[in-house]
Amino acid sequence: MQDKEASVGAVPAGDNELTELGVAAAAAAIRDGDITSEAYSAALLRRARQYSDLNSFITIDESAVLSAAREADKARAAGSSAPFLGVPIGVKDSYSTRDLPTTLGVKTLEGFTPAGDADVVGAVKNAGGIVFGKNNLVEMSWGLTGNNSRYGQVKNPYGRAHVPGGSSSGAGASVAARIVPAALGGDTVGSIRVPASLSGVVGFKPTTGRWPSRGIAPVSHTLDTAGILARSVDDAALIDQVVTNDVAAPLSDRSDLQGARFAYAPRQHMELIDPDIEKHFQSALLRLQDAGAEVVEIDLGEDYSTLTDRIAWNLFFRETMEAVTDFLCQNNFPVSFDEIYHDLKPELKGAWDHLVLPSGQGYISQEAYEATLSVDRPELQRRLGKVFTRSGFDALLFPTTPSPAPLIEQRSMFTVAGEEVRDLFLAKNTVPASGAGLPGISIPIGLTGQGLPIGLEIDGAHGHDRKLLDLARRVESVFDTLPAPA
């Protein structure tokens, strides 16, 4: 849905060159006077209209975007050199925005505009960035396929019959479709990395707690983190640096992988996997070795999958009610938890009945919840921490998703290597980093025979986000850039 449309004209021949620009390249071009923010923003708005069938945005205020772009051009003429000056960025509609409605993906909040911006949005604006619009998402960020009953199913730009991933579905699709150069997302069990993988973009989940969370609708206060979807690691790193005000050394100029040590655990991450994904992952390991890296197979334990699933889903389900209730109250949203719950689509309401409400049969007991936090989670952190400390690896590698994007018509249940799986299977490999609070980044490494993107996840040590981003940039250089979706 787009409101307050402004005239941005027909599609000029040079639009493709403009919309291919990433965050850093667009900011540099605006700063150097090679392009204006108004021309760049107008090209992106035309792109949004051209790709409106993707349902990647709930709200775009075209007049506001163009007005902000003109102000950025005036600021540039006056000497401003803000890092993102005049660059529009998408924002998942779980982030509060003072100038645009914030729906959390539910019709109960349709038309509601908060009094203030989420801290991350404020940081982007302070750096000169422009909020392009509010990205479509799964209701209350509860889902992995991009299905929203009120605002429409988000479609994958690389195959419109396929899901884009979720819950940051519109963010991933809009970046892949070149509507925006980057978009703010949220990740609880993989909601940045899954859509990044399925939609063919870079998705960065910081160490839990690294990015501010104020003003972002939660699912689980233990697992949640804000993050970014972009088209390059450099752009993700630039946004991370601005949001966190991290004055650490910039990324290195190295492009080789000499001395880098990678671990991979096929027993845990590749037990059930699409053959095309497996082939590309094995090829990726060889390419990394050819680039000078050491790649070593490890085993994370027979109970690893059971442990990681128990941690992620126990916390995800158990913390939703308290987290959402507190958020609505603290941020003066004009609805209650009960009002949102009663107006959910039937399948989601049924899930909350069973798992989120204390009366539900699947509701986790206080004893089990405390054991998850005090026993299971420290064990996972110890086990993964040992990969980086005692074993001395720089990163853990695995296929971000064990399958490419399933068909929309099969989004709830689909087949992988002859076995039927449910949609939660898409997060099988991403939940461990969430449970342990580690930073992780997904980068695109190729396309399947059907032309669907494949992602490689690189997880790093807790708190070593800049080191991970630098390493990911060097890994990224080993692989060919994905072609833009047709």
Protein backbone atom coordinates (compact mmCIF):
# COMPACT_ATOMS: atom_id res chain seq x y z
CA MET A 1 0.00 0.00 0.00
CA GLN A 2 1.31 3.44 -0.95
CA ASP A 3 -0.18 6.69 0.30
CA LYS A 4 0.39 10.40 -0.31
CA GLU A 5 1.77 9.78 -3.79
CA ALA A 6 3.87 12.42 -5.48
CA SER A 7 4.55 12.63 -9.17
CA VAL A 8 7.88 10.98 -9.95
CA GLY A 9 7.35 10.69 -13.68
CA ALA A 10 7.97 7.94 -16.20
CA VAL A 11 10.91 5.59 -15.86
CA PRO A 12 14.03 7.29 -17.34
CA ALA A 13 16.73 5.26 -19.06
CA GLY A 14 19.26 5.97 -16.29
CA ASP A 15 17.14 4.58 -13.46
CA ASN A 16 18.77 1.14 -13.56
CA GLU A 17 22.19 2.67 -12.91
CA LEU A 18 20.82 4.65 -9.97
CA THR A 19 18.88 1.80 -8.38
CA GLU A 20 21.93 -0.49 -8.55
CA LEU A 21 23.81 1.82 -6.18
CA GLY A 22 24.37 0.51 -2.66
CA VAL A 23 24.32 2.66 0.46
CA ALA A 24 28.00 3.65 0.46
CA ALA A 25 28.11 4.24 -3.31
CA ALA A 26 24.94 6.34 -3.30
CA ALA A 27 26.12 8.39 -0.31
CA ALA A 28 29.48 9.02 -2.00
CA ALA A 29 27.82 10.01 -5.29
CA ILE A 30 25.52 12.46 -3.48
CA ARG A 31 28.37 13.81 -1.37
CA ASP A 32 30.60 14.29 -4.48
CA GLY A 33 27.82 16.00 -6.42
CA ASP A 34 27.62 13.28 -9.07
CA ILE A 35 23.91 12.77 -8.37
CA THR A 36 21.31 14.49 -6.25
CA SER A 37 19.37 12.82 -3.49
CA GLU A 38 16.17 13.99 -5.19
CA ALA A 39 17.04 12.26 -8.46
CA TYR A 40 18.13 9.10 -6.64
CA SER A 41 15.01 9.04 -4.45
CA ALA A 42 12.74 9.64 -7.43
CA ALA A 43 14.34 6.68 -9.24
CA LEU A 44 13.74 4.46 -6.20
CA LEU A 45 10.12 5.59 -5.97
CA ARG A 46 9.58 4.73 -9.62
CA ARG A 47 11.15 1.34 -8.91
CA ALA A 48 8.76 0.84 -6.00
CA ARG A 49 5.80 1.47 -8.29
CA GLN A 50 7.22 -0.86 -10.92
CA TYR A 51 7.60 -3.65 -8.33
CA SER A 52 4.50 -2.92 -6.26
CA ASP A 53 3.24 -6.47 -6.96
CA LEU A 54 5.91 -7.77 -4.54
CA ASN A 55 3.94 -6.29 -1.60
CA SER A 56 7.24 -5.39 0.01
CA PHE A 57 5.97 -2.16 1.60
CA ILE A 58 2.93 -1.38 3.73
CA THR A 59 3.43 2.41 3.63
CA ILE A 60 5.40 4.78 1.41
CA ASP A 61 4.89 8.54 1.70
CA GLU A 62 6.32 9.64 -1.63
CA SER A 63 5.93 13.37 -0.96
CA ALA A 64 7.81 13.05 2.34
CA VAL A 65 10.63 11.09 0.68
CA LEU A 66 11.09 13.72 -2.03
CA SER A 67 10.87 16.56 0.49
CA ALA A 68 13.53 14.93 2.68
CA ALA A 69 15.69 14.39 -0.41
CA ARG A 70 15.50 18.08 -1.32
CA GLU A 71 16.50 19.00 2.23
CA ALA A 72 19.45 16.60 1.98
CA ASP A 73 20.57 18.29 -1.24
CA LYS A 74 20.40 21.66 0.49
CA ALA A 75 22.43 20.27 3.39
CA ARG A 76 25.02 18.91 0.98
CA ALA A 77 25.29 22.32 -0.72
CA ALA A 78 25.84 23.82 2.74
CA GLY A 79 28.74 21.47 3.37
CA SER A 80 27.23 18.48 5.19
CA SER A 81 29.16 15.23 4.94
CA ALA A 82 26.85 12.98 6.97
CA PRO A 83 27.55 9.27 6.32
CA PHE A 84 24.15 8.48 4.73
CA LEU A 85 23.26 11.96 3.51
CA GLY A 86 20.27 11.73 1.20
CA VAL A 87 20.13 7.91 1.06
CA PRO A 88 16.65 6.35 1.50
CA ILE A 89 16.45 3.14 3.56
CA GLY A 90 13.54 0.76 4.16
CA VAL A 91 12.33 0.13 7.71
CA LYS A 92 10.57 -3.01 8.89
CA ASP A 93 7.13 -2.08 10.19
CA SER A 94 7.99 -3.39 13.66
CA TYR A 95 10.09 -0.21 14.19
CA SER A 96 8.37 2.88 15.60
CA THR A 97 8.48 5.86 13.23
CA ARG A 98 7.13 9.24 14.25
CA ASP A 99 6.26 10.37 10.71
CA LEU A 100 4.81 7.12 9.33
CA PRO A 101 2.23 4.62 10.63
CA THR A 102 3.58 1.63 12.54
CA THR A 103 1.33 -1.42 12.24
CA LEU A 104 3.49 -4.34 13.49
CA GLY A 105 1.80 -6.09 10.57
CA VAL A 106 -1.63 -6.27 12.27
CA LYS A 107 -4.84 -4.52 11.21
CA THR A 108 -5.53 -3.52 14.84
CA LEU A 109 -2.85 -0.82 14.50
CA GLU A 110 -3.69 0.31 10.98
CA GLY A 111 -3.15 4.07 10.72
CA PHE A 112 -1.44 4.47 14.12
CA THR A 113 1.59 6.78 14.11
CA PRO A 114 3.85 6.73 17.22
CA ALA A 115 5.12 9.86 18.91
CA GLY A 116 8.79 9.01 18.37
CA ASP A 117 11.29 7.01 16.36
CA ALA A 118 12.96 3.80 17.43
CA ASP A 119 16.56 4.49 18.47
CA VAL A 120 17.95 2.75 15.38
CA VAL A 121 15.75 4.85 13.09
CA GLY A 122 16.93 7.95 14.91
CA ALA A 123 20.55 6.96 14.38
CA VAL A 124 19.98 6.50 10.64
CA LYS A 125 18.22 9.85 10.37
CA ASN A 126 20.97 11.58 12.37
CA ALA A 127 23.45 10.19 9.86
CA GLY A 128 21.51 11.84 7.03
CA GLY A 129 19.45 8.83 6.00
CA ILE A 130 15.86 9.05 4.77
CA VAL A 131 13.10 6.65 5.79
CA PHE A 132 11.81 5.44 2.41
CA GLY A 133 8.83 3.52 3.81
CA LYS A 134 7.66 0.79 6.14
CA ASN A 135 8.35 -2.75 4.96
CA ASN A 136 5.71 -5.47 5.04
CA LEU A 137 6.31 -8.25 7.57
CA VAL A 138 4.70 -11.28 9.10
CA GLU A 139 2.12 -10.33 11.75
CA MET A 140 3.93 -9.56 15.03
CA SER A 141 7.10 -10.99 13.40
CA TRP A 142 5.74 -14.50 13.99
CA GLY A 143 6.61 -16.43 10.85
CA LEU A 144 9.26 -17.29 8.30
CA THR A 145 7.49 -17.16 4.92
CA GLY A 146 6.24 -13.57 4.45
CA ASN A 147 2.54 -14.33 4.69
CA ASN A 148 0.49 -11.38 6.01
CA SER A 149 -3.30 -11.74 5.93
CA ARG A 150 -3.98 -7.97 6.07
CA TYR A 151 -1.22 -6.53 3.88
CA GLY A 152 -0.64 -9.40 1.49
CA GLN A 153 1.87 -12.17 0.90
CA VAL A 154 5.30 -10.74 0.10
CA LYS A 155 6.74 -12.28 -3.06
CA ASN A 156 10.30 -13.26 -3.88
CA PRO A 157 11.81 -11.03 -6.62
CA TYR A 158 13.75 -14.03 -7.98
CA GLY A 159 10.55 -16.03 -8.40
CA ARG A 160 7.20 -14.48 -7.62
CA ALA A 161 5.61 -17.87 -6.99
CA HIS A 162 8.05 -18.35 -4.08
CA VAL A 163 8.25 -16.96 -0.55
CA PRO A 164 10.92 -14.34 0.29
CA GLY A 165 11.51 -15.57 3.84
CA GLY A 166 10.42 -13.83 7.02
CA SER A 167 9.66 -12.24 9.24
CA SER A 168 11.62 -9.34 7.65
CA SER A 169 10.03 -10.37 4.36
CA GLY A 170 9.42 -6.98 2.79
CA ALA A 171 12.87 -5.79 3.85
CA GLY A 172 14.59 -8.66 2.04
CA ALA A 173 12.40 -8.43 -1.06
CA SER A 174 12.74 -4.64 -1.40
CA VAL A 175 16.54 -4.75 -1.17
CA ALA A 176 16.75 -7.63 -3.65
CA ALA A 177 14.42 -5.82 -6.08
CA ARG A 178 16.60 -2.66 -5.92
CA ILE A 179 13.73 -0.61 -4.48
CA VAL A 180 16.02 0.45 -1.62
CA PRO A 181 19.76 -0.12 -1.10
CA ALA A 182 19.21 -1.43 2.45
CA ALA A 183 16.47 -2.03 4.99
CA LEU A 184 16.33 -2.32 8.77
CA GLY A 185 15.09 -5.72 9.97
CA GLY A 186 14.72 -7.74 13.14
CA ASP A 187 16.03 -11.20 13.97
CA THR A 188 14.78 -13.49 16.76
CA VAL A 189 15.41 -16.98 15.34
CA GLY A 190 16.55 -16.02 11.82
CA SER A 191 14.17 -13.29 10.66
CA ILE A 192 16.97 -11.32 8.97
CA ARG A 193 19.16 -14.18 7.80
CA VAL A 194 16.38 -16.38 6.40
CA PRO A 195 14.96 -13.68 4.06
CA ALA A 196 18.50 -12.62 3.17
CA SER A 197 19.27 -16.17 2.10
CA LEU A 198 16.02 -16.79 0.22
CA SER A 199 15.96 -13.36 -1.44
CA GLY A 200 19.65 -13.16 -2.39
CA VAL A 201 20.94 -10.28 -0.24
CA VAL A 202 23.30 -9.78 2.71
CA GLY A 203 21.67 -10.10 6.13
CA PHE A 204 23.55 -9.16 9.31
CA LYS A 205 22.42 -10.15 12.81
CA PRO A 206 24.65 -8.38 15.37
CA THR A 207 25.65 -9.82 18.72
CA THR A 208 22.49 -9.69 20.82
CA GLY A 209 22.45 -6.38 22.68
CA ARG A 210 24.86 -4.60 20.34
CA TRP A 211 22.14 -2.56 18.60
CA PRO A 212 19.63 -0.54 20.64
CA SER A 213 16.17 -2.10 20.90
CA ARG A 214 14.04 0.78 22.18
CA GLY A 215 11.05 1.38 19.96
CA ILE A 216 11.16 -1.98 18.18
CA ALA A 217 8.30 -4.41 18.75
CA PRO A 218 9.72 -7.55 20.41
CA VAL A 219 9.10 -11.27 20.36
CA SER A 220 11.66 -12.42 22.93
CA HIS A 221 13.79 -10.04 25.00
CA THR A 222 16.45 -12.75 25.27
CA LEU A 223 16.72 -13.54 21.56
CA ASP A 224 15.70 -10.35 19.71
CA THR A 225 18.10 -8.10 17.88
CA ALA A 226 17.76 -5.38 15.29
CA GLY A 227 19.93 -5.66 12.20
CA ILE A 228 20.28 -4.87 8.52
CA LEU A 229 19.63 -6.29 5.08
CA ALA A 230 21.79 -4.82 2.33
CA ARG A 231 23.39 -5.72 -0.98
CA SER A 232 26.98 -5.84 0.26
CA VAL A 233 28.90 -6.54 3.44
CA ASP A 234 30.50 -3.09 3.20
CA ASP A 235 27.07 -1.46 3.39
CA ALA A 236 26.06 -3.63 6.34
CA ALA A 237 29.30 -2.70 8.11
CA LEU A 238 28.80 1.02 7.45
CA ILE A 239 25.29 0.94 8.91
CA ASP A 240 26.49 -1.11 11.90
CA GLN A 241 29.21 1.44 12.58
CA VAL A 242 26.78 4.36 12.50
CA VAL A 243 24.06 2.69 14.60
CA THR A 244 26.50 1.55 17.29
CA ASN A 245 28.85 4.56 17.07
CA ASP A 246 31.64 1.98 16.97
CA VAL A 247 34.97 3.78 16.53
CA ALA A 248 36.89 0.55 16.02
CA ALA A 249 39.29 0.31 13.11
CA PRO A 250 37.57 0.30 9.70
CA LEU A 251 37.42 -2.87 7.66
CA SER A 252 40.75 -3.87 6.16
CA ASP A 253 41.63 -3.61 2.48
CA ARG A 254 42.52 -7.30 2.33
CA SER A 255 40.67 -9.44 -0.19
CA ASP A 256 42.55 -12.70 0.37
CA LEU A 257 41.77 -15.33 3.00
CA GLN A 258 45.33 -16.35 3.86
CA GLY A 259 45.44 -17.47 7.48
CA ALA A 260 41.65 -17.55 7.94
CA ARG A 261 40.37 -20.65 9.74
CA PHE A 262 36.81 -21.85 9.20
CA ALA A 263 34.91 -24.67 10.87
CA TYR A 264 31.89 -26.47 9.46
CA ALA A 265 29.72 -29.11 11.10
CA PRO A 266 27.91 -31.16 8.41
CA ARG A 267 26.42 -33.58 10.92
CA GLN A 268 24.54 -30.72 12.57
CA HIS A 269 23.83 -28.41 9.63
CA MET A 270 23.44 -30.76 6.66
CA GLU A 271 21.61 -33.81 7.94
CA LEU A 272 18.60 -32.96 5.77
CA ILE A 273 19.40 -30.59 2.94
CA ASP A 274 18.34 -29.74 -0.59
CA PRO A 275 20.82 -31.30 -3.07
CA ASP A 276 21.34 -27.97 -4.88
CA ILE A 277 22.14 -26.23 -1.57
CA GLU A 278 24.57 -28.99 -0.61
CA LYS A 279 26.34 -28.81 -3.97
CA HIS A 280 26.81 -25.05 -3.76
CA PHE A 281 27.98 -25.22 -0.14
CA GLN A 282 30.61 -27.87 -0.89
CA SER A 283 31.77 -25.81 -3.87
CA ALA A 284 31.95 -22.75 -1.62
CA LEU A 285 34.25 -24.55 0.81
CA LEU A 286 36.60 -25.44 -2.04
CA ARG A 287 36.63 -21.86 -3.27
CA LEU A 288 37.50 -20.62 0.23
CA GLN A 289 40.35 -23.12 0.41
CA ASP A 290 41.58 -21.99 -2.99
CA ALA A 291 41.57 -18.42 -1.64
CA GLY A 292 43.94 -19.47 1.14
CA ALA A 293 41.59 -20.37 4.00
CA GLU A 294 41.81 -23.46 6.17
CA VAL A 295 38.48 -25.31 6.36
CA VAL A 296 38.06 -27.98 9.03
CA GLU A 297 35.14 -30.32 9.71
CA ILE A 298 33.99 -30.41 13.34
CA ASP A 299 31.20 -32.06 15.33
CA LEU A 300 29.09 -30.02 17.73
CA GLY A 301 27.54 -32.99 19.49
CA GLU A 302 24.78 -35.51 18.96
CA ASP A 303 22.31 -33.46 21.01
CA TYR A 304 23.14 -30.15 19.31
CA SER A 305 19.97 -29.78 17.24
CA THR A 306 17.74 -30.83 20.13
CA LEU A 307 19.52 -28.38 22.44
CA THR A 308 19.39 -25.42 20.05
CA ASP A 309 15.74 -25.98 19.13
CA ARG A 310 14.75 -26.26 22.78
CA ILE A 311 16.49 -23.01 23.67
CA ALA A 312 15.18 -20.99 20.74
CA TRP A 313 11.58 -22.11 20.74
CA ASN A 314 11.19 -22.24 24.55
CA LEU A 315 12.29 -18.61 24.77
CA PHE A 316 10.47 -17.51 21.61
CA PHE A 317 7.11 -18.86 22.78
CA ARG A 318 7.44 -18.17 26.51
CA GLU A 319 8.59 -14.56 26.29
CA THR A 320 6.18 -13.23 23.65
CA MET A 321 3.28 -12.27 25.91
CA GLU A 322 5.35 -10.38 28.47
CA ALA A 323 7.56 -8.74 25.85
CA VAL A 324 4.66 -7.52 23.71
CA THR A 325 2.62 -6.34 26.71
CA ASP A 326 5.53 -4.30 28.08
CA PHE A 327 6.33 -2.81 24.66
CA LEU A 328 2.78 -1.64 24.00
CA CYS A 329 2.61 0.02 27.43
CA GLN A 330 6.06 1.61 27.41
CA ASN A 331 5.66 3.03 23.89
CA ASN A 332 2.06 4.25 24.33
CA PHE A 333 0.57 2.10 21.59
CA PRO A 334 -3.23 2.47 21.69
CA VAL A 335 -3.97 -1.26 21.94
CA SER A 336 -3.53 -4.03 24.50
CA PHE A 337 -2.03 -7.48 24.10
CA ASP A 338 -5.52 -8.97 24.30
CA GLU A 339 -6.83 -6.73 21.51
CA ILE A 340 -3.99 -7.76 19.22
CA TYR A 341 -4.44 -11.42 20.13
CA HIS A 342 -8.18 -11.42 19.43
CA ASP A 343 -7.67 -9.88 15.97
CA LEU A 344 -4.89 -12.18 14.74
CA LYS A 345 -5.39 -14.35 11.66
CA PRO A 346 -6.85 -17.73 12.68
CA GLU A 347 -3.69 -19.83 12.29
CA LEU A 348 -1.58 -17.39 14.29
CA LYS A 349 -4.25 -16.96 16.93
CA GLY A 350 -4.34 -20.75 17.26
CA ALA A 351 -0.57 -20.85 17.75
CA TRP A 352 -0.78 -18.17 20.46
CA ASP A 353 -3.66 -20.10 22.09
CA HIS A 354 -1.45 -23.15 22.34
CA LEU A 355 2.00 -21.68 23.01
CA VAL A 356 1.83 -18.06 24.20
CA LEU A 357 -1.13 -17.87 26.57
CA PRO A 358 -0.53 -19.37 30.05
CA SER A 359 -3.68 -21.45 29.57
CA GLY A 360 -2.26 -23.13 26.44
CA GLN A 361 -1.30 -26.80 26.47
CA GLY A 362 2.09 -25.98 24.96
CA TYR A 363 2.89 -23.12 27.35
CA ILE A 364 6.34 -23.64 28.88
CA SER A 365 6.35 -24.04 32.66
CA GLN A 366 8.33 -21.63 34.80
CA GLU A 367 10.67 -24.46 35.77
CA ALA A 368 11.37 -25.38 32.15
CA TYR A 369 11.83 -21.71 31.23
CA GLU A 370 14.35 -21.13 34.02
CA ALA A 371 16.21 -24.31 33.08
CA THR A 372 16.46 -23.05 29.51
CA LEU A 373 18.05 -19.82 30.70
CA SER A 374 20.27 -21.22 33.45
CA VAL A 375 21.35 -24.60 32.03
CA ASP A 376 20.69 -24.99 28.31
CA ARG A 377 21.68 -21.56 27.08
CA PRO A 378 25.01 -21.45 28.96
CA GLU A 379 25.81 -24.93 27.62
CA LEU A 380 25.21 -23.77 24.03
CA GLN A 381 27.28 -20.64 24.62
CA ARG A 382 30.09 -22.76 26.07
CA ARG A 383 29.99 -25.23 23.19
CA LEU A 384 30.00 -22.58 20.47
CA GLY A 385 32.43 -20.38 22.35
CA LYS A 386 34.91 -23.25 22.36
CA VAL A 387 34.89 -23.23 18.55
CA PHE A 388 36.43 -19.75 18.61
CA THR A 389 38.57 -19.92 21.74
CA ARG A 390 39.97 -23.38 22.39
CA SER A 391 39.84 -24.49 18.74
CA GLY A 392 40.93 -21.11 17.39
CA PHE A 393 38.53 -20.82 14.45
CA ASP A 394 37.63 -17.42 13.04
CA ALA A 395 34.11 -18.42 12.03
CA LEU A 396 31.60 -21.23 11.71
CA LEU A 397 30.18 -21.81 8.21
CA PHE A 398 26.95 -23.48 7.06
CA PRO A 399 24.12 -23.10 4.55
CA THR A 400 21.89 -20.34 5.93
CA THR A 401 18.74 -22.23 4.98
CA PRO A 402 18.70 -25.98 4.24
CA SER A 403 16.45 -25.36 1.24
CA PRO A 404 15.81 -22.62 -1.31
CA ALA A 405 12.60 -20.59 -1.16
CA PRO A 406 9.54 -22.87 -1.17
CA LEU A 407 6.50 -22.11 -3.28
CA ILE A 408 3.96 -19.74 -1.73
CA GLU A 409 1.26 -22.36 -2.16
CA GLN A 410 3.41 -24.78 -0.14
CA ARG A 411 4.65 -22.26 2.45
CA SER A 412 3.35 -24.17 5.48
CA MET A 413 4.65 -27.58 4.43
CA PHE A 414 7.05 -28.53 1.66
CA THR A 415 9.47 -31.25 0.64
CA VAL A 416 13.26 -31.22 1.09
CA ALA A 417 15.27 -34.14 -0.32
CA GLY A 418 12.13 -36.28 -0.39
CA GLU A 419 11.11 -35.52 3.21
CA GLU A 420 8.14 -33.36 4.18
CA VAL A 421 8.98 -30.47 6.53
CA ARG A 422 7.15 -27.54 8.09
CA ASP A 423 8.01 -23.87 7.59
CA LEU A 424 10.01 -23.70 10.85
CA PHE A 425 12.57 -25.91 9.12
CA LEU A 426 13.78 -22.79 7.29
CA ALA A 427 15.28 -21.59 10.61
CA LYS A 428 16.94 -24.91 11.52
CA ASN A 429 20.46 -23.56 10.93
CA THR A 430 19.89 -20.00 12.13
CA VAL A 431 18.48 -20.69 15.61
CA PRO A 432 21.83 -21.59 17.30
CA ALA A 433 23.35 -18.12 16.83
CA SER A 434 20.12 -16.62 18.19
CA GLY A 435 20.12 -18.92 21.20
CA ALA A 436 23.74 -18.15 22.01
CA GLY A 437 23.53 -14.44 21.12
CA LEU A 438 26.31 -14.67 18.52
CA PRO A 439 26.74 -12.37 15.52
CA GLY A 440 25.92 -13.97 12.17
CA ILE A 441 25.80 -12.82 8.58
CA SER A 442 24.31 -14.44 5.49
CA ILE A 443 25.80 -13.69 2.08
CA PRO A 444 24.52 -14.88 -1.32
CA ILE A 445 26.77 -17.43 -3.05
CA GLY A 446 24.78 -18.47 -6.11
CA LEU A 447 21.49 -19.53 -7.63
CA THR A 448 19.80 -22.92 -7.86
CA GLY A 449 18.90 -24.47 -11.19
CA GLN A 450 15.54 -22.71 -10.84
CA GLY A 451 17.24 -19.35 -10.36
CA LEU A 452 16.54 -19.09 -6.62
CA PRO A 453 19.20 -17.59 -4.30
CA ILE A 454 21.42 -19.62 -1.95
CA GLY A 455 22.91 -18.15 1.22
CA LEU A 456 26.06 -18.94 3.18
CA GLU A 457 26.01 -18.05 6.88
CA ILE A 458 29.16 -17.02 8.72
CA ASP A 459 28.91 -16.90 12.52
CA GLY A 460 31.54 -15.25 14.67
CA ALA A 461 32.55 -15.06 18.32
CA HIS A 462 30.34 -13.19 20.78
CA GLY A 463 31.07 -9.45 20.64
CA HIS A 464 33.48 -9.71 17.70
CA ASP A 465 31.12 -8.11 15.19
CA ARG A 466 33.65 -5.93 13.39
CA LYS A 467 36.02 -8.86 12.97
CA LEU A 468 33.17 -10.94 11.57
CA LEU A 469 32.15 -8.19 9.13
CA ASP A 470 35.73 -7.81 7.92
CA LEU A 471 36.03 -11.57 7.41
CA ALA A 472 32.63 -11.70 5.66
CA ARG A 473 33.73 -8.97 3.26
CA ARG A 474 36.75 -11.05 2.31
CA VAL A 475 34.59 -14.16 1.89
CA GLU A 476 32.13 -12.17 -0.22
CA SER A 477 34.91 -11.24 -2.66
CA VAL A 478 35.45 -14.93 -3.46
CA PHE A 479 31.97 -15.30 -4.98
CA ASP A 480 30.34 -13.76 -8.02
CA THR A 481 27.75 -11.04 -7.46
CA LEU A 482 24.22 -12.31 -8.02
CA PRO A 483 22.51 -10.86 -11.09
CA ALA A 484 19.59 -8.58 -10.34
CA PRO A 485 16.21 -10.35 -10.43
CA ALA A 486 14.48 -10.16 -13.77
